[in-house]
């Protein structure tokens, strides 16, 4: 099968397998709804979270509010594109003195507050007192990476009777598949709210993310939203970085090779002219490197005196004799490893011999 055809089929397979599994579900209707058999009506309320409250009647139990659930949804309507919504669901133990519920969402960035009210007619309250009422509020429009404080209170507002939840809006996560035979990462981007483009790239994640491949811009109207990113080496710090093409967009990282550490310990170089043995980590590490002597075939390796070096940068040992029992010992945040570069005569491919 030609390479181009195989890659196209892999892209198609990724699209089919991930399109239905996006982190943010699509909704077509996000309006007020109550439990079957209950009557409830939308009530216009001010966008103010008032501190005024009254003492609850003795007949109202304190756990009158059952639950508060907050989630992210996405609504898409051509040609306007997609928008992110905050979906608020609540439950309450209905009481005759409780006229309804109020839900308020306050942006932690702008302090803007929006509130919605629901009323239950008196006849319904009397007939169904003591039963659990579930309410799906009208959705609140939000933006990606926004922090929102959601408050649920009964109407009237009884002192000490409310539920609160801090919520961070997620805009969906990218999906990926690694094709190791072709050294390519196939990336499925999340659907973009408000029709925005996305950027994606491979980078080496140190204190900042350093370029390790071309930056790819994916248009919001892209049919598949799938891109192929080639790589040269599987490293634990080689990550996918993605963000929306809007000012100050929040960037997200996913590292497909975080368990692939073999390439780190293989980065050993020997310089015959100076008899220097060196190693340099391709990813950020904390820990120690030392020379050790392996007397036999087992895992035991005796550390040589005064050979310890920090593992966070280039390590070099001078005037090294190329004995098969001489090894490098790594004790780092990624575990314990021993590398013996001179075990084979005529140095194996695992050690690079520099002129």
Foldseek 3Di string as FASTA:
>chain_A
DDPVVVVVVVLVVVLVVPVVPWPAAEDADQAKDKDPPFDKDWDDDDQDDDPDAAADPPVDDQPQWPDKDWAKHKYQDPPQGIFIWIKIKTKGQQALVFFWKKKWKAWPVPRGIDMIIMGGDNVRSVVRHRDMMMMTHRIDTDDAQTKIKMKMATVVGHPPRIDIDIDTYHQTDKDWDADVVQQKIKIAGGQDHRQWKKKKAKFQDDVHTHHQFDIDIGGNPDPRSIDITHGDDQDLRTWMWMFTPDPPTDIDIDGPRNVPHVVQQLQWEAEVVFRKIKHFGPHAKFFWKFKWFAPDDDPDTHGDPPGIDTHRGMHMDTPDDLDQRIWMWTDIPSHTDIGRQNVDPPTDPSYHYDD
